[in-house]
Amino acid sequence: MAMTWKQMTAIEPRLLALYRAARAERDTGGAYYCANHVWYTRYKPILLNLVGWYAWRPELRSSECYDLAYDKIYQALPDCRGCTCWPLPGLG
């Protein structure tokens, strides 16, 4: 049975802290804001130690847990604006 976000954060409270930090992230209104840059430099390196195959807690060592946490936290970030990430070629 797949683990829920609530179950995951009960096991590893730092996941909830990371989610809250992502929700608090703001587009400062400069020339551009790149959520992907913020994600890959600030959030994903921390996430890798909390959930997925390299998690400190064995209960969270699965691709299902990783995917759920990745999606939940990434979606909490503001959208990209004015960067080269969006629109992606062929999609925009």
C-alpha atoms as a PDB file:
ATOM      1  CA  MET A   1       0.000   0.000   0.000  1.00  0.00           C
ATOM      2  CA  ALA A   2       1.310   3.437  -0.958  1.00  0.00           C
ATOM      3  CA  MET A   3       2.258   5.837   1.787  1.00  0.00           C
ATOM      4  CA  THR A   4       0.406   9.143   2.087  1.00  0.00           C
ATOM      5  CA  TRP A   5       1.963  12.584   2.458  1.00  0.00           C
ATOM      6  CA  LYS A   6       0.673  12.721   6.037  1.00  0.00           C
ATOM      7  CA  GLN A   7       2.314   9.383   6.866  1.00  0.00           C
ATOM      8  CA  MET A   8       5.562  10.466   5.243  1.00  0.00           C
ATOM      9  CA  THR A   9       5.720  13.736   7.184  1.00  0.00           C
ATOM     10  CA  ALA A  10       4.987  11.902  10.435  1.00  0.00           C
ATOM     11  CA  ILE A  11       8.040   9.728   9.776  1.00  0.00           C
ATOM     12  CA  GLU A  12      10.205  12.584   8.475  1.00  0.00           C
ATOM     13  CA  PRO A  13       9.049  16.027   9.716  1.00  0.00           C
ATOM     14  CA  ARG A  14      11.743  17.750   7.655  1.00  0.00           C
ATOM     15  CA  LEU A  15       9.641  16.971   4.562  1.00  0.00           C
ATOM     16  CA  LEU A  16       6.909  19.217   5.930  1.00  0.00           C
ATOM     17  CA  ALA A  17       9.460  21.917   6.743  1.00  0.00           C
ATOM     18  CA  LEU A  18      10.794  21.716   3.178  1.00  0.00           C
ATOM     19  CA  TYR A  19       7.252  21.964   1.790  1.00  0.00           C
ATOM     20  CA  ARG A  20       6.524  25.001   3.957  1.00  0.00           C
ATOM     21  CA  ALA A  21       9.741  26.650   2.811  1.00  0.00           C
ATOM     22  CA  ALA A  22       8.760  26.070  -0.824  1.00  0.00           C
ATOM     23  CA  ARG A  23       5.308  27.558  -0.187  1.00  0.00           C
ATOM     24  CA  ALA A  24       6.948  30.601   1.398  1.00  0.00           C
ATOM     25  CA  GLU A  25       9.229  31.080  -1.638  1.00  0.00           C
ATOM     26  CA  ARG A  26       8.370  34.267  -3.523  1.00  0.00           C
ATOM     27  CA  ASP A  27       8.953  35.565  -7.019  1.00  0.00           C
ATOM     28  CA  THR A  28      10.744  38.784  -6.105  1.00  0.00           C
ATOM     29  CA  GLY A  29       9.643  40.533  -9.284  1.00  0.00           C
ATOM     30  CA  GLY A  30      13.062  40.853 -10.896  1.00  0.00           C
ATOM     31  CA  ALA A  31      13.668  40.358 -14.611  1.00  0.00           C
ATOM     32  CA  TYR A  32      12.767  36.664 -14.264  1.00  0.00           C
ATOM     33  CA  TYR A  33      12.056  33.903 -11.779  1.00  0.00           C
ATOM     34  CA  CYS A  34      13.095  30.327 -12.523  1.00  0.00           C
ATOM     35  CA  ALA A  35      11.394  27.749 -10.314  1.00  0.00           C
ATOM     36  CA  ASN A  36      13.566  25.026 -11.847  1.00  0.00           C
ATOM     37  CA  HIS A  37      16.774  26.780 -10.804  1.00  0.00           C
ATOM     38  CA  VAL A  38      15.423  27.256  -7.279  1.00  0.00           C
ATOM     39  CA  TRP A  39      14.262  23.633  -7.152  1.00  0.00           C
ATOM     40  CA  TYR A  40      17.497  22.070  -8.375  1.00  0.00           C
ATOM     41  CA  THR A  41      19.815  24.265  -6.302  1.00  0.00           C
ATOM     42  CA  ARG A  42      17.896  24.626  -3.022  1.00  0.00           C
ATOM     43  CA  TYR A  43      15.228  22.005  -2.576  1.00  0.00           C
ATOM     44  CA  LYS A  44      16.092  18.837  -4.476  1.00  0.00           C
ATOM     45  CA  PRO A  45      19.532  18.380  -2.841  1.00  0.00           C
ATOM     46  CA  ILE A  46      17.811  18.329   0.560  1.00  0.00           C
ATOM     47  CA  LEU A  47      14.949  16.130  -0.644  1.00  0.00           C
ATOM     48  CA  LEU A  48      17.372  13.438  -1.850  1.00  0.00           C
ATOM     49  CA  ASN A  49      18.424  12.724   1.740  1.00  0.00           C
ATOM     50  CA  LEU A  50      14.897  12.713   3.121  1.00  0.00           C
ATOM     51  CA  VAL A  51      13.020  10.444   0.704  1.00  0.00           C
ATOM     52  CA  GLY A  52      13.794   7.983  -2.079  1.00  0.00           C
ATOM     53  CA  TRP A  53      16.593   5.468  -2.450  1.00  0.00           C
ATOM     54  CA  TYR A  54      19.098   7.517  -0.414  1.00  0.00           C
ATOM     55  CA  ALA A  55      16.714   8.496   2.392  1.00  0.00           C
ATOM     56  CA  TRP A  56      17.999   8.325   5.938  1.00  0.00           C
ATOM     57  CA  ARG A  57      14.770   6.617   7.026  1.00  0.00           C
ATOM     58  CA  PRO A  58      14.350   3.120   5.511  1.00  0.00           C
ATOM     59  CA  GLU A  59      10.542   3.473   5.435  1.00  0.00           C
ATOM     60  CA  LEU A  60      10.902   6.285   2.894  1.00  0.00           C
ATOM     61  CA  ARG A  61      13.265   4.478   0.502  1.00  0.00           C
ATOM     62  CA  SER A  62      10.970   4.002  -2.473  1.00  0.00           C
ATOM     63  CA  SER A  63      10.346   5.653  -5.797  1.00  0.00           C
ATOM     64  CA  GLU A  64       6.689   6.116  -4.816  1.00  0.00           C
ATOM     65  CA  CYS A  65       7.628   8.154  -1.743  1.00  0.00           C
ATOM     66  CA  TYR A  66      10.149  10.140  -3.755  1.00  0.00           C
ATOM     67  CA  ASP A  67       7.640  10.916  -6.513  1.00  0.00           C
ATOM     68  CA  LEU A  68       4.976  12.032  -4.053  1.00  0.00           C
ATOM     69  CA  ALA A  69       7.342  14.312  -2.132  1.00  0.00           C
ATOM     70  CA  TYR A  70       8.936  15.675  -5.309  1.00  0.00           C
ATOM     71  CA  ASP A  71       5.563  16.604  -6.815  1.00  0.00           C
ATOM     72  CA  LYS A  72       4.145  18.036  -3.592  1.00  0.00           C
ATOM     73  CA  ILE A  73       7.132  20.265  -2.857  1.00  0.00           C
ATOM     74  CA  TYR A  74       7.907  21.313  -6.431  1.00  0.00           C
ATOM     75  CA  GLN A  75       4.284  22.335  -7.033  1.00  0.00           C
ATOM     76  CA  ALA A  76       4.464  24.588  -3.963  1.00  0.00           C
ATOM     77  CA  LEU A  77       7.032  26.828  -5.699  1.00  0.00           C
ATOM     78  CA  PRO A  78       5.940  29.888  -7.687  1.00  0.00           C
ATOM     79  CA  ASP A  79       5.725  29.335 -11.441  1.00  0.00           C
ATOM     80  CA  CYS A  80       8.612  30.216 -13.737  1.00  0.00           C
ATOM     81  CA  ARG A  81       8.374  33.705 -15.219  1.00  0.00           C
ATOM     82  CA  GLY A  82      10.535  35.223 -17.921  1.00  0.00           C
ATOM     83  CA  CYS A  83      13.166  32.491 -17.861  1.00  0.00           C
ATOM     84  CA  THR A  84      14.187  30.157 -20.668  1.00  0.00           C
ATOM     85  CA  CYS A  85      12.429  27.166 -19.069  1.00  0.00           C
ATOM     86  CA  TRP A  86       8.968  28.159 -20.277  1.00  0.00           C
ATOM     87  CA  PRO A  87       7.459  27.787 -22.707  1.00  0.00           C
ATOM     88  CA  LEU A  88       9.187  24.558 -23.547  1.00  0.00           C
ATOM     89  CA  PRO A  89       9.822  24.126 -27.285  1.00  0.00           C
ATOM     90  CA  GLY A  90       6.790  22.564 -28.915  1.00  0.00           C
ATOM     91  CA  LEU A  91       4.539  23.125 -25.901  1.00  0.00           C
ATOM     92  CA  GLY A  92       4.083  26.872 -25.780  1.00  0.00           C
END
